[in-house]
Protein backbone atom coordinates (compact mmCIF):
# COMPACT_ATOMS: atom_id res chain seq x y z
CA UNK A 1 230.78 129.73 231.05
CA UNK A 2 232.15 128.56 227.71
CA UNK A 3 228.71 128.58 226.09
CA UNK A 4 228.41 132.35 226.13
CA UNK A 5 230.61 135.17 224.92
CA UNK A 6 229.61 137.33 227.89
CA UNK A 7 230.81 136.72 231.43
CA UNK A 8 228.30 139.29 232.66
CA UNK A 9 225.46 137.50 230.90
CA UNK A 10 226.50 134.21 232.47
CA UNK A 11 226.87 135.65 235.98
CA UNK A 12 223.61 137.58 235.81
CA UNK A 13 221.78 134.43 234.76
CA UNK A 14 223.38 132.40 237.54
CA UNK A 15 222.58 134.99 240.21
CA UNK A 16 218.93 135.12 239.15
CA UNK A 17 218.65 131.32 239.21
CA UNK A 18 220.38 131.18 242.60
CA UNK A 19 218.07 133.78 244.10
CA UNK A 20 215.00 131.73 243.21
CA UNK A 21 216.45 128.46 244.51
CA UNK A 22 218.03 129.87 247.71
CA UNK A 23 214.82 131.68 248.59
CA UNK A 24 212.93 128.39 248.25
CA UNK A 25 215.35 126.43 250.41
CA UNK A 26 215.81 128.85 253.31
CA UNK A 27 212.77 131.08 252.97
CA UNK A 28 212.15 131.36 256.73
CA UNK A 29 215.68 132.46 257.58
CA UNK A 30 215.71 135.12 254.86
CA UNK A 31 212.21 136.32 255.79
CA UNK A 32 213.28 136.67 259.44
CA UNK A 33 216.14 138.97 258.47
CA UNK A 34 213.92 141.03 256.18
CA UNK A 35 211.29 141.43 258.90
CA UNK A 36 213.91 142.47 261.48
CA UNK A 37 215.26 145.16 259.15
CA UNK A 38 211.72 146.48 258.62
CA UNK A 39 210.91 146.41 262.34
CA UNK A 40 214.05 148.27 263.32
CA UNK A 41 213.52 150.95 260.70
CA UNK A 42 209.88 151.35 261.81
CA UNK A 43 210.93 151.73 265.44
CA UNK A 44 213.62 154.23 264.50
CA UNK A 45 211.13 156.28 262.47
CA UNK A 46 209.47 157.39 265.73
CA UNK A 47 212.72 158.95 266.97
CA UNK A 48 214.76 159.98 263.94
CA UNK A 49 213.49 163.57 264.06
CA UNK A 50 214.67 163.92 267.65
CA UNK A 51 218.05 162.29 267.03
CA UNK A 52 218.85 164.60 264.13
CA UNK A 53 217.40 167.73 265.74
CA UNK A 54 219.57 170.62 266.91
CA UNK A 55 217.74 170.32 270.24
CA UNK A 56 218.76 166.67 270.60
CA UNK A 57 219.69 165.64 274.13
CA UNK A 58 223.43 165.65 274.75
CA UNK A 59 224.61 162.16 275.59
CA UNK A 60 227.02 162.11 278.53
CA UNK A 61 228.00 165.66 277.61
CA UNK A 62 229.37 164.65 274.20
CA UNK A 63 227.59 165.87 271.07
CA UNK A 64 229.57 163.46 268.88
CA UNK A 65 228.18 160.42 270.72
CA UNK A 66 224.69 160.96 269.32
CA UNK A 67 226.16 161.30 265.82
CA UNK A 68 228.23 158.14 266.25
CA UNK A 69 225.29 156.04 267.45
CA UNK A 70 222.95 157.30 264.76
CA UNK A 71 225.58 156.81 262.05
CA UNK A 72 226.24 153.28 263.30
CA UNK A 73 222.60 152.25 263.22
CA UNK A 74 221.90 153.95 259.89
CA UNK A 75 224.93 152.52 258.08
CA UNK A 76 224.41 149.08 259.57
CA UNK A 77 220.92 148.92 258.09
CA UNK A 78 222.38 149.48 254.60
CA UNK A 79 225.15 146.93 255.23
CA UNK A 80 222.78 144.33 256.67
CA UNK A 81 220.44 144.73 253.69
CA UNK A 82 223.36 144.48 251.25
CA UNK A 83 224.83 141.42 252.97
CA UNK A 84 221.42 139.74 252.97
CA UNK A 85 220.80 140.36 249.29
CA UNK A 86 224.31 139.25 248.28
CA UNK A 87 224.01 136.07 250.33
CA UNK A 88 220.51 135.38 249.00
CA UNK A 89 221.80 135.24 245.42
CA UNK A 90 224.84 133.10 246.24
CA UNK A 91 227.48 135.83 246.56
CA UNK A 92 228.28 134.90 250.15
CA UNK A 93 231.98 135.82 249.83
CA UNK A 94 231.24 139.41 248.84
CA UNK A 95 228.92 139.76 251.85
CA UNK A 96 231.51 138.86 254.47
CA UNK A 97 233.56 142.06 254.57
CA UNK A 98 230.25 143.82 255.28
CA UNK A 99 229.71 141.53 258.28
CA UNK A 100 233.05 142.58 259.73
CA UNK A 101 232.14 146.24 259.25
CA UNK A 102 228.74 145.74 260.92
CA UNK A 103 230.32 143.98 263.89
CA UNK A 104 232.95 146.69 264.38
CA UNK A 105 230.27 149.39 264.23
CA UNK A 106 228.25 147.55 266.87
CA UNK A 107 231.23 147.18 269.21
CA UNK A 108 232.54 150.72 268.80
CA UNK A 109 229.07 152.17 269.33
CA UNK A 110 228.19 150.25 272.49
CA UNK A 111 231.67 150.84 273.91
CA UNK A 112 231.40 154.59 273.30
CA UNK A 113 227.89 154.67 274.76
CA UNK A 114 228.98 153.24 278.12
CA UNK A 115 232.61 154.33 278.43
CA UNK A 116 233.63 157.32 280.53
CA UNK A 117 236.68 157.77 278.31
CA UNK A 118 235.75 159.66 275.12
CA UNK A 119 238.95 158.77 273.24
CA UNK A 120 237.32 156.30 270.84
CA UNK A 121 234.50 158.63 269.83
CA UNK A 122 236.99 161.49 269.44
CA UNK A 123 239.03 159.35 267.06
CA UNK A 124 235.85 158.45 265.17
CA UNK A 125 234.90 162.11 264.85
CA UNK A 126 238.37 163.05 263.61
CA UNK A 127 238.47 160.06 261.23
CA UNK A 128 241.53 158.65 262.97
CA UNK A 129 242.36 154.94 263.10
CA UNK A 130 240.65 153.04 265.91
CA UNK A 131 242.79 150.04 266.81
CA UNK A 132 239.93 147.67 267.43
CA UNK A 133 241.59 145.09 269.65
CA UNK A 134 243.51 147.50 271.89
CA UNK A 135 240.87 150.23 272.01
CA UNK A 136 237.76 148.06 272.40
CA UNK A 137 238.17 144.34 272.98
CA UNK A 138 240.96 144.52 275.56
CA UNK A 139 238.96 147.05 277.59
CA UNK A 140 235.97 144.72 278.14
CA UNK A 141 236.22 143.00 281.54
CA UNK A 142 232.66 141.67 281.77
CA UNK A 143 231.52 139.65 279.96
CA UNK A 144 234.60 137.75 278.90
CA UNK A 145 235.55 139.16 275.49
CA UNK A 146 236.34 135.65 274.22
CA UNK A 147 233.20 135.42 272.06
CA UNK A 148 234.00 138.80 270.49
CA UNK A 149 237.56 137.71 269.71
CA UNK A 150 236.34 134.46 268.18
CA UNK A 151 233.80 136.17 265.94
CA UNK A 152 236.18 138.98 264.97
CA UNK A 153 238.90 136.49 264.00
CA UNK A 154 236.41 134.64 261.79
CA UNK A 155 235.16 137.72 259.95
CA UNK A 156 238.72 139.04 259.59
CA UNK A 157 239.78 135.75 258.03
CA UNK A 158 236.84 136.01 255.63
CA UNK A 159 237.61 139.63 254.78
CA UNK A 160 241.36 139.62 254.16
CA UNK A 161 243.05 138.04 251.14
CA UNK A 162 243.44 134.63 252.77
CA UNK A 163 242.98 131.10 251.49
CA UNK A 164 239.49 131.06 253.05
CA UNK A 165 238.26 134.45 251.87
CA UNK A 166 235.66 135.19 249.18
CA UNK A 167 234.58 132.35 246.87
CA UNK A 168 235.45 130.60 243.63
CA UNK A 169 232.06 129.33 242.54
CA UNK A 170 228.39 130.30 242.30
CA UNK A 171 227.26 126.69 242.22
CA UNK A 172 224.75 126.32 245.06
CA UNK A 173 224.37 122.60 244.35
CA UNK A 174 227.84 122.30 245.82
CA UNK A 175 227.20 121.27 249.45
CA UNK A 176 230.02 123.42 250.83
CA UNK A 177 228.85 126.52 248.97
CA UNK A 178 225.27 126.15 250.19
CA UNK A 179 226.46 125.62 253.75
CA UNK A 180 228.44 128.87 253.54
CA UNK A 181 225.28 130.68 252.41
CA UNK A 182 223.42 129.23 255.39
CA UNK A 183 226.19 130.44 257.69
CA UNK A 184 225.90 133.95 256.25
CA UNK A 185 222.14 134.17 256.73
CA UNK A 186 222.46 132.93 260.31
CA UNK A 187 225.18 135.48 261.10
CA UNK A 188 223.12 138.27 259.54
CA UNK A 189 220.19 137.36 261.78
CA UNK A 190 222.50 137.34 264.81
CA UNK A 191 223.94 140.75 263.91
CA UNK A 192 220.40 142.06 263.44
CA UNK A 193 219.55 141.05 267.01
CA UNK A 194 222.67 142.89 268.22
CA UNK A 195 221.72 145.91 266.14
CA UNK A 196 218.25 145.81 267.72
CA UNK A 197 219.89 145.93 271.16
CA UNK A 198 221.97 148.93 270.11
CA UNK A 199 218.84 150.71 268.88
CA UNK A 200 216.59 150.03 271.87
CA UNK A 201 219.13 150.20 274.68
CA UNK A 202 221.60 152.87 273.58
CA UNK A 203 220.00 155.01 270.86
CA UNK A 204 216.55 155.15 272.44
CA UNK A 205 217.21 156.55 275.90
CA UNK A 206 214.51 157.14 278.51
CA UNK A 207 214.24 160.76 277.35
CA UNK A 208 213.75 159.81 273.72
CA UNK A 209 211.25 157.12 274.66
CA UNK A 210 209.18 159.72 276.47
CA UNK A 211 209.30 162.16 273.56
CA UNK A 212 208.32 159.44 271.10
CA UNK A 213 205.30 158.45 273.20
CA UNK A 214 204.24 162.00 274.04
CA UNK A 215 204.31 163.37 270.51
CA UNK A 216 202.60 160.28 269.09
CA UNK A 217 199.68 160.66 271.49
CA UNK A 218 196.12 161.49 270.35
CA UNK A 219 196.85 165.17 271.12
CA UNK A 220 199.15 165.19 268.09
CA UNK A 221 196.94 163.40 265.59
CA UNK A 222 199.08 164.40 262.58
CA UNK A 223 201.86 162.12 263.79
CA UNK A 224 201.69 158.32 263.38
CA UNK A 225 200.39 156.20 266.22
CA UNK A 226 203.10 155.03 268.62
CA UNK A 227 203.49 151.38 267.64
CA UNK A 228 206.88 150.71 269.22
CA UNK A 229 205.61 148.19 271.85
CA UNK A 230 203.91 146.08 269.17
CA UNK A 231 207.02 146.24 266.97
CA UNK A 232 209.25 145.15 269.85
CA UNK A 233 206.93 142.25 270.62
CA UNK A 234 207.13 141.14 266.97
CA UNK A 235 210.93 141.37 267.04
CA UNK A 236 211.21 139.21 270.14
CA UNK A 237 208.95 136.59 268.56
CA UNK A 238 211.37 136.40 265.63
CA UNK A 239 214.40 136.23 267.94
CA UNK A 240 212.86 133.25 269.72
CA UNK A 241 212.08 131.52 266.43
CA UNK A 242 215.60 132.22 265.12
CA UNK A 243 217.15 130.08 267.86
CA UNK A 244 216.09 127.03 265.80
CA UNK A 245 218.69 127.73 263.12
CA UNK A 246 221.32 129.94 264.77
CA UNK A 247 224.55 128.17 265.65
CA UNK A 248 225.82 128.13 269.23
CA UNK A 249 228.52 130.65 268.31
CA UNK A 250 225.93 133.14 267.09
CA UNK A 251 223.81 132.69 270.22
CA UNK A 252 226.86 133.23 272.45
CA UNK A 253 227.79 136.37 270.49
CA UNK A 254 224.28 137.80 270.94
CA UNK A 255 224.29 137.01 274.66
CA UNK A 256 227.69 138.62 275.20
CA UNK A 257 226.72 141.72 273.22
CA UNK A 258 223.43 142.23 275.07
CA UNK A 259 224.91 141.78 278.55
CA UNK A 260 225.82 144.72 280.76
CA UNK A 261 229.46 145.47 280.03
CA UNK A 262 232.07 146.38 282.62
CA UNK A 263 235.08 148.19 281.19
CA UNK A 264 238.61 148.59 282.50
CA UNK A 265 239.84 152.12 283.05
């Protein structure tokens, strides 16, 4: 730092060096996340016209639910990409508030998709505060919300101005720093699997699946071939491979998120 007059010059140089070295060391984990982002965007491309159409199917009688789910998926893709790129150059601390945001989007969206009480989506539409613990976590009866509480407490600790938040060094030769980068990439892959569930279980309903298949048939040759089954197969291959480097906490989070939820009234 003392050998240059420019902090920006020093940081830019360090980030570029880190990106090369981190990509070498954990190439497979980073590639998995990149592929999952591509796959999800490719799947969504078959349905985006229907989701944003004025003739879009009303979900449970609430127009705002479609907007909430689409906004969640769309914004999460940007946040997942940003968190991945920040982590891949050593800026793991800056990526962690994004992880909290992604997780909260995932929880609010799935909750709103299955709940008979529209209060959360109404608050979202009106840009009112959603008290995450009381409005979402405490309403989940099955599965046990313990894994959600554990993960949320971790990402909150990372995000707020606590002793553990952010970072003080870009030195990836420091064992602790590199381990934190590994943790980030694993969490990003776990959140991507949850985001995939949100896309394929809640955004793509039976009606949308039918429309995607029908209008991608040979009768409509101007539209791209319906490749969703192949894309889903590729995603599940990556999920299986990811289990080699995901921690038990990440696997438990994925399992709890993908399960059928039962909510209290």
